[in-house]
Amino acid sequence: MPFDVDYLTFKIVDKKVAKRTAIQEQVVWPVRAYNNVQVIDGRHSEHMVFTLPKFTLADDKHLVVELHEQQGGRHQRFTVENEDLVRANVINELKVR
C-alpha cells in the first residue's frame, strides 16, 4: 500500500518531561532537500536527504524527525541524539548525478 507523504517535521525536544512541566519544542526548518518524495510505493523504500542549519543539541534533548501520512494513521518517527551527531561524517563535496 503506498504511503502518501503529508509533511515532515524536525523538532528539538526534551528527553524527559515531568508530569506538571510544559513541553518545550523548537522546530528546525530544513535549509535544503534532495529527493523530497511525496509518494512512497508499497514494498519500496526511498532515501531523502535534508540539510539543517547549524545547531547545538544538549545532552538532555534530542532531535525528533516525524513523517506524517496524508489522511492516514501511519506516522513514522525516529530520534537523533547528540552522540549520533558527534559520530557523523563531514561531507565536504556532494556529487549528485
N, C-alpha and C. Protein backbone atom coordinates (compact mmCIF):
# COMPACT_ATOMS: atom_id res chain seq x y z
N MET A 1 0.85 -1.17 0.00
CA MET A 1 0.00 0.00 0.00
C MET A 1 0.90 1.23 0.00
N PRO A 2 0.70 2.17 -0.92
CA PRO A 2 1.57 3.35 -0.98
C PRO A 2 1.40 4.26 0.23
N PHE A 3 2.46 5.00 0.51
CA PHE A 3 2.48 5.95 1.63
C PHE A 3 2.53 7.35 1.03
N ASP A 4 1.44 8.11 1.17
CA ASP A 4 1.37 9.49 0.67
C ASP A 4 1.87 10.42 1.76
N VAL A 5 2.98 11.08 1.50
CA VAL A 5 3.60 11.95 2.50
C VAL A 5 2.81 13.25 2.60
N ASP A 6 2.41 13.60 3.82
CA ASP A 6 1.74 14.87 4.06
C ASP A 6 2.77 15.94 4.39
N TYR A 7 3.53 15.72 5.47
CA TYR A 7 4.58 16.67 5.83
C TYR A 7 5.63 15.97 6.70
N LEU A 8 6.77 16.62 6.81
CA LEU A 8 7.91 16.11 7.57
C LEU A 8 8.34 17.21 8.54
N THR A 9 8.53 16.87 9.81
CA THR A 9 8.94 17.86 10.79
C THR A 9 10.23 17.45 11.48
N PHE A 10 11.02 18.46 11.83
CA PHE A 10 12.24 18.29 12.61
C PHE A 10 12.07 19.15 13.86
N LYS A 11 12.13 18.54 15.05
CA LYS A 11 11.93 19.27 16.30
C LYS A 11 13.00 18.88 17.31
N ILE A 12 13.45 19.85 18.09
CA ILE A 12 14.34 19.58 19.23
C ILE A 12 13.45 19.58 20.46
N VAL A 13 13.42 18.45 21.16
CA VAL A 13 12.54 18.31 22.33
C VAL A 13 13.33 17.77 23.51
N ASP A 14 12.76 17.93 24.70
CA ASP A 14 13.37 17.40 25.92
C ASP A 14 13.24 15.88 25.94
N LYS A 15 14.26 15.20 26.49
CA LYS A 15 14.21 13.75 26.60
C LYS A 15 13.19 13.31 27.64
N LYS A 16 13.29 13.92 28.82
CA LYS A 16 12.38 13.56 29.91
C LYS A 16 11.55 14.78 30.28
N VAL A 17 10.26 14.56 30.42
CA VAL A 17 9.35 15.64 30.79
C VAL A 17 8.58 15.20 32.03
N ALA A 18 8.65 16.02 33.06
CA ALA A 18 7.88 15.73 34.28
C ALA A 18 6.40 15.96 34.00
N LYS A 19 5.55 15.40 34.84
CA LYS A 19 4.11 15.46 34.59
C LYS A 19 3.56 16.89 34.56
N ARG A 20 4.09 17.75 35.39
CA ARG A 20 3.49 19.08 35.51
C ARG A 20 4.32 20.19 34.86
N THR A 21 5.23 19.84 34.01
CA THR A 21 6.02 20.87 33.34
C THR A 21 5.59 21.00 31.89
N ALA A 22 5.83 22.15 31.34
CA ALA A 22 5.47 22.39 29.96
C ALA A 22 6.50 21.74 29.03
N ILE A 23 6.01 21.20 27.95
CA ILE A 23 6.90 20.60 26.96
C ILE A 23 7.41 21.69 26.05
N GLN A 24 8.73 21.78 25.92
CA GLN A 24 9.31 22.80 25.06
C GLN A 24 9.83 22.14 23.80
N GLU A 25 9.32 22.60 22.68
CA GLU A 25 9.74 22.10 21.38
C GLU A 25 10.27 23.25 20.55
N GLN A 26 11.35 23.00 19.86
CA GLN A 26 11.90 24.01 18.96
C GLN A 26 11.91 23.39 17.57
N VAL A 27 11.15 23.96 16.66
CA VAL A 27 11.07 23.45 15.29
C VAL A 27 12.30 23.91 14.52
N VAL A 28 12.92 22.98 13.79
CA VAL A 28 14.07 23.28 12.95
C VAL A 28 13.63 23.11 11.51
N TRP A 29 13.76 24.18 10.72
CA TRP A 29 13.34 24.14 9.32
C TRP A 29 14.53 23.76 8.44
N PRO A 30 14.35 22.80 7.52
CA PRO A 30 15.45 22.42 6.63
C PRO A 30 15.85 23.55 5.69
N VAL A 31 17.14 23.63 5.42
CA VAL A 31 17.66 24.65 4.51
C VAL A 31 17.52 24.16 3.06
N ARG A 32 17.84 22.89 2.85
CA ARG A 32 17.74 22.29 1.52
C ARG A 32 17.22 20.86 1.64
N ALA A 33 16.69 20.37 0.53
CA ALA A 33 16.20 18.99 0.49
C ALA A 33 16.59 18.36 -0.85
N TYR A 34 16.95 17.09 -0.80
CA TYR A 34 17.26 16.34 -2.01
C TYR A 34 16.39 15.09 -2.03
N ASN A 35 15.69 14.87 -3.12
CA ASN A 35 14.80 13.73 -3.31
C ASN A 35 13.67 13.74 -2.28
N ASN A 36 13.03 14.87 -2.13
CA ASN A 36 11.90 15.01 -1.21
C ASN A 36 10.65 14.46 -1.91
N VAL A 37 10.41 13.16 -1.75
CA VAL A 37 9.32 12.50 -2.46
C VAL A 37 7.99 12.74 -1.76
N GLN A 38 6.91 12.65 -2.52
CA GLN A 38 5.57 12.83 -1.98
C GLN A 38 4.79 11.52 -1.87
N VAL A 39 5.20 10.50 -2.64
CA VAL A 39 4.55 9.19 -2.59
C VAL A 39 5.62 8.12 -2.55
N ILE A 40 5.51 7.21 -1.59
CA ILE A 40 6.40 6.07 -1.49
C ILE A 40 5.57 4.84 -1.82
N ASP A 41 5.92 4.16 -2.89
CA ASP A 41 5.16 2.99 -3.34
C ASP A 41 5.24 1.87 -2.32
N GLY A 42 4.23 1.00 -2.34
CA GLY A 42 4.19 -0.14 -1.43
C GLY A 42 5.37 -1.07 -1.65
N ARG A 43 5.92 -1.60 -0.57
CA ARG A 43 7.07 -2.52 -0.57
C ARG A 43 8.31 -1.91 -1.22
N HIS A 44 8.44 -0.60 -1.14
CA HIS A 44 9.62 0.10 -1.65
C HIS A 44 10.18 0.98 -0.54
N SER A 45 11.38 1.46 -0.74
CA SER A 45 11.98 2.40 0.20
C SER A 45 12.55 3.57 -0.58
N GLU A 46 12.68 4.69 0.06
CA GLU A 46 13.21 5.91 -0.55
C GLU A 46 14.25 6.51 0.37
N HIS A 47 15.22 7.20 -0.20
CA HIS A 47 16.23 7.93 0.56
C HIS A 47 16.00 9.41 0.32
N MET A 48 15.79 10.15 1.39
CA MET A 48 15.63 11.60 1.30
C MET A 48 16.74 12.24 2.14
N VAL A 49 17.33 13.31 1.63
CA VAL A 49 18.42 13.99 2.32
C VAL A 49 17.99 15.42 2.61
N PHE A 50 18.12 15.84 3.87
CA PHE A 50 17.76 17.19 4.28
C PHE A 50 18.96 17.84 4.95
N THR A 51 19.18 19.10 4.62
CA THR A 51 20.24 19.88 5.25
C THR A 51 19.60 20.80 6.27
N LEU A 52 20.07 20.71 7.51
CA LEU A 52 19.53 21.55 8.58
C LEU A 52 20.55 22.63 8.91
N PRO A 53 20.08 23.78 9.41
CA PRO A 53 21.05 24.81 9.83
C PRO A 53 21.86 24.32 11.02
N LYS A 54 23.00 24.94 11.23
CA LYS A 54 23.87 24.55 12.34
C LYS A 54 23.17 24.82 13.67
N PHE A 55 23.17 23.82 14.54
CA PHE A 55 22.55 23.97 15.86
C PHE A 55 23.28 23.07 16.85
N THR A 56 23.11 23.36 18.12
CA THR A 56 23.68 22.51 19.16
C THR A 56 22.56 21.71 19.81
N LEU A 57 22.91 20.53 20.27
CA LEU A 57 21.94 19.63 20.88
C LEU A 57 22.47 19.25 22.25
N ALA A 58 21.85 19.76 23.29
CA ALA A 58 22.27 19.47 24.67
C ALA A 58 22.05 17.99 24.97
N ASP A 59 22.71 17.51 26.03
CA ASP A 59 22.60 16.10 26.39
C ASP A 59 21.20 15.71 26.86
N ASP A 60 20.43 16.68 27.36
CA ASP A 60 19.08 16.37 27.83
C ASP A 60 18.01 16.57 26.76
N LYS A 61 18.42 16.77 25.51
CA LYS A 61 17.48 16.97 24.41
C LYS A 61 17.83 16.04 23.26
N HIS A 62 16.86 15.83 22.37
CA HIS A 62 17.13 15.07 21.15
C HIS A 62 16.32 15.65 20.00
N LEU A 63 16.76 15.33 18.79
CA LEU A 63 16.10 15.77 17.57
C LEU A 63 15.10 14.70 17.17
N VAL A 64 13.85 15.09 17.00
CA VAL A 64 12.79 14.17 16.61
C VAL A 64 12.41 14.47 15.17
N VAL A 65 12.43 13.44 14.33
CA VAL A 65 12.04 13.57 12.93
C VAL A 65 10.75 12.79 12.75
N GLU A 66 9.70 13.46 12.28
CA GLU A 66 8.40 12.82 12.11
C GLU A 66 7.93 12.96 10.67
N LEU A 67 7.47 11.86 10.10
CA LEU A 67 6.93 11.81 8.75
C LEU A 67 5.46 11.43 8.86
N HIS A 68 4.58 12.31 8.42
CA HIS A 68 3.14 12.10 8.57
C HIS A 68 2.51 11.72 7.25
N GLU A 69 1.54 10.81 7.31
CA GLU A 69 0.83 10.34 6.12
C GLU A 69 -0.42 11.18 5.90
N GLN A 70 -0.75 11.43 4.63
CA GLN A 70 -1.98 12.14 4.30
C GLN A 70 -3.17 11.25 4.58
N GLN A 71 -4.14 11.77 5.28
CA GLN A 71 -5.40 11.09 5.56
C GLN A 71 -5.19 9.65 6.04
N GLY A 72 -4.24 9.47 6.92
CA GLY A 72 -3.97 8.12 7.42
C GLY A 72 -3.34 8.17 8.80
N GLY A 73 -3.11 7.01 9.35
CA GLY A 73 -2.56 6.93 10.69
C GLY A 73 -1.17 6.35 10.76
N ARG A 74 -0.54 6.10 9.61
CA ARG A 74 0.80 5.51 9.62
C ARG A 74 1.84 6.62 9.66
N HIS A 75 2.15 7.07 10.85
CA HIS A 75 3.15 8.13 11.02
C HIS A 75 4.46 7.49 11.45
N GLN A 76 5.55 7.94 10.85
CA GLN A 76 6.88 7.43 11.16
C GLN A 76 7.60 8.45 12.03
N ARG A 77 8.38 7.95 13.01
CA ARG A 77 9.08 8.86 13.92
C ARG A 77 10.37 8.20 14.37
N PHE A 78 11.45 8.98 14.39
CA PHE A 78 12.69 8.49 14.97
C PHE A 78 13.42 9.66 15.62
N THR A 79 14.35 9.32 16.53
CA THR A 79 15.07 10.35 17.27
C THR A 79 16.55 10.28 16.96
N VAL A 80 17.20 11.43 17.02
CA VAL A 80 18.64 11.55 16.84
C VAL A 80 19.18 12.22 18.10
N GLU A 81 20.17 11.59 18.71
CA GLU A 81 20.74 12.14 19.93
C GLU A 81 22.06 12.85 19.65
N ASN A 82 22.58 13.55 20.63
CA ASN A 82 23.81 14.31 20.47
C ASN A 82 24.98 13.41 20.06
N GLU A 83 25.08 12.24 20.64
CA GLU A 83 26.20 11.35 20.31
C GLU A 83 26.12 10.86 18.87
N ASP A 84 24.93 10.77 18.29
CA ASP A 84 24.79 10.42 16.88
C ASP A 84 25.36 11.52 15.99
N LEU A 85 25.14 12.77 16.37
CA LEU A 85 25.66 13.89 15.59
C LEU A 85 27.18 13.99 15.71
N VAL A 86 27.71 13.68 16.88
CA VAL A 86 29.16 13.74 17.09
C VAL A 86 29.86 12.70 16.23
N ARG A 87 29.25 11.52 16.07
CA ARG A 87 29.84 10.44 15.27
C ARG A 87 29.63 10.59 13.77
N ALA A 88 28.87 11.59 13.34
CA ALA A 88 28.56 11.77 11.91
C ALA A 88 29.80 12.19 11.13
N ASN A 89 29.86 11.79 9.87
CA ASN A 89 30.95 12.17 8.99
C ASN A 89 30.65 13.48 8.30
N VAL A 90 31.68 14.27 8.07
CA VAL A 90 31.53 15.54 7.36
C VAL A 90 31.58 15.28 5.87
N ILE A 91 30.65 15.88 5.13
CA ILE A 91 30.61 15.78 3.68
C ILE A 91 31.11 17.11 3.13
N ASN A 92 32.29 17.11 2.56
CA ASN A 92 32.85 18.35 2.00
C ASN A 92 32.31 18.64 0.62
N GLU A 93 32.09 17.60 -0.15
CA GLU A 93 31.63 17.79 -1.51
C GLU A 93 30.61 16.71 -1.84
N LEU A 94 29.43 17.12 -2.26
CA LEU A 94 28.38 16.18 -2.59
C LEU A 94 28.25 16.09 -4.10
N LYS A 95 28.43 14.90 -4.62
CA LYS A 95 28.34 14.69 -6.06
C LYS A 95 27.00 14.05 -6.37
N VAL A 96 26.14 14.79 -7.07
CA VAL A 96 24.81 14.32 -7.42
C VAL A 96 24.75 14.17 -8.93
N ARG A 97 24.28 13.04 -9.38
CA ARG A 97 24.16 12.80 -10.83
C ARG A 97 22.89 13.38 -11.37
